[in-house]
Amino acid sequence: MTSNEQSTIKTSCYGKSTKVIIIGNITSDQDFIDKIDLDGFAHALLSLAYQGAAGETYTSLQKSLGVPNSNETALAYKRSLDDLNSAKNITISIANKIYVQDNFRVKADFRSTAQTYFDADIERIDFSENIAAANEINDWVKKKTNNKIQIVVDPFNFRERILGIFLNAIYFKGTWLWRFKKDATRSQTFYVSEDQTISHPMMRQTASFDYAENGELDAKILKMNYKNERFSMIIFLPNSKMGINDLEKKISNIDLNNLRTRKADVKVTLPKFKIESTIPLEDPLKNLGLEEIFNGTGNLANMVEYPSNFYFNKFIQKAFIEVNEEGAEAAAVTAGFSSMTLPSMPPIIPTFTADHPFIFFLTAKLGEESTAGVTVLFAGKVVSPTY
């Protein structure tokens, strides 16, 4: 990706997102992204497919996903789903759906696993009635994403034989622990590239955040908590205004569980932004060793009774994110007691001015408090913000 590209969300995305797998024979788009992290709910859809795999395809999915056997994987997903759906002081809705051709036979064990562990309903539909089918699927997506995503399929998608569609939708809305005041937002220059700038509304505040300056990444790191402090947005801002490409190459080696940050008062300037992305993921998945589930040679015998040459033709991610000033109000009172002291120098407050492209992650800590690890729900890159 280059700095001239639009802002994108990939794989797991902050905000509200839907990922869709289309199964059958339709023409594949030629566009693709260079790389993918199989975190969050893109990972979940493949984990669901893993439940229906057999033979070498089962082994390939297990290796590519980095998961234990299918039973343990299903249990782990259900625990994560339960943790997320029960989260307090945050709005998060997760839903899975499988639409199958009306003469399509799903194996009973796969149907039971999908419903019990992935909360995935399976519904029959006639894809030959392409307009009605597209409307029904899009209506489900709109409902599950609070109308933030309107269309993931259109009748054109069904011009050839379709066997089924797997959908995963997530809607997230969180309020900042420390909100930005709307009257502090004003337009400022944002540096899109070496030869392009835009004027864009930038939010401002000084508050206590987790902060670091990382020499290896040549970047600043800011962690902003939501009111439910198990959820955070972590922003990586390159020190160089044109440093986004170098940062992307380096950041894949970062373990978010082991970020070294410190609590500090930080002067933050951050753009308001909305991003909507549609990303075809077939090629990156093939590069991860999953080509057989796309070319008809894969073994998905534990998923379907027939057809025997069942395969995935298209794997698409559609996502939406909105970041603005909204957040929880907080107040603090400090009592001071007078005494005589020598004057001291005021502390230097670090600045975090995101006036050029940056990378962000929306994360959640799932599981028991003492052992909770960081799970990436969404990830993205802001290059040319719009709002």
Foldseek 3Di string as FASTA:
>chain_A
DALPDAWDWAQFAPFKWKWKFWWDDDDDDPDADDAHDNFAVVLVVLLLLLLLFDDVLVVLSCVLSVHDHSVVSLQVQQQQVVQVVPDPQWDKFKAKEKEFAQVFFWDPVSCVSCCPRVVYHYYYDHCVVLQVVQVVVQVVQCVRQVNPDRGDDHSSRSPDDTGMMIMMIMGIDFFFPAFFDPVQWDWDWFDSDPPDIDTATKTKDWDKWWWDQDPVLQWIWTWTATNRRLKIKIKTGHPDLRCPVSNVVPCVPDFPQDDDTDIATEIEIGTWFKDKDKHWHQVNVVVSVNVCLAPQNTASNSTGPDDRSIHTNTIMMIDMRTDDRGHDDDDDDDDDDDDDDDDDDDDDHHYHYNSHKIKMFIWGFGDDPVPTGIGTNIIIIHNDGDD
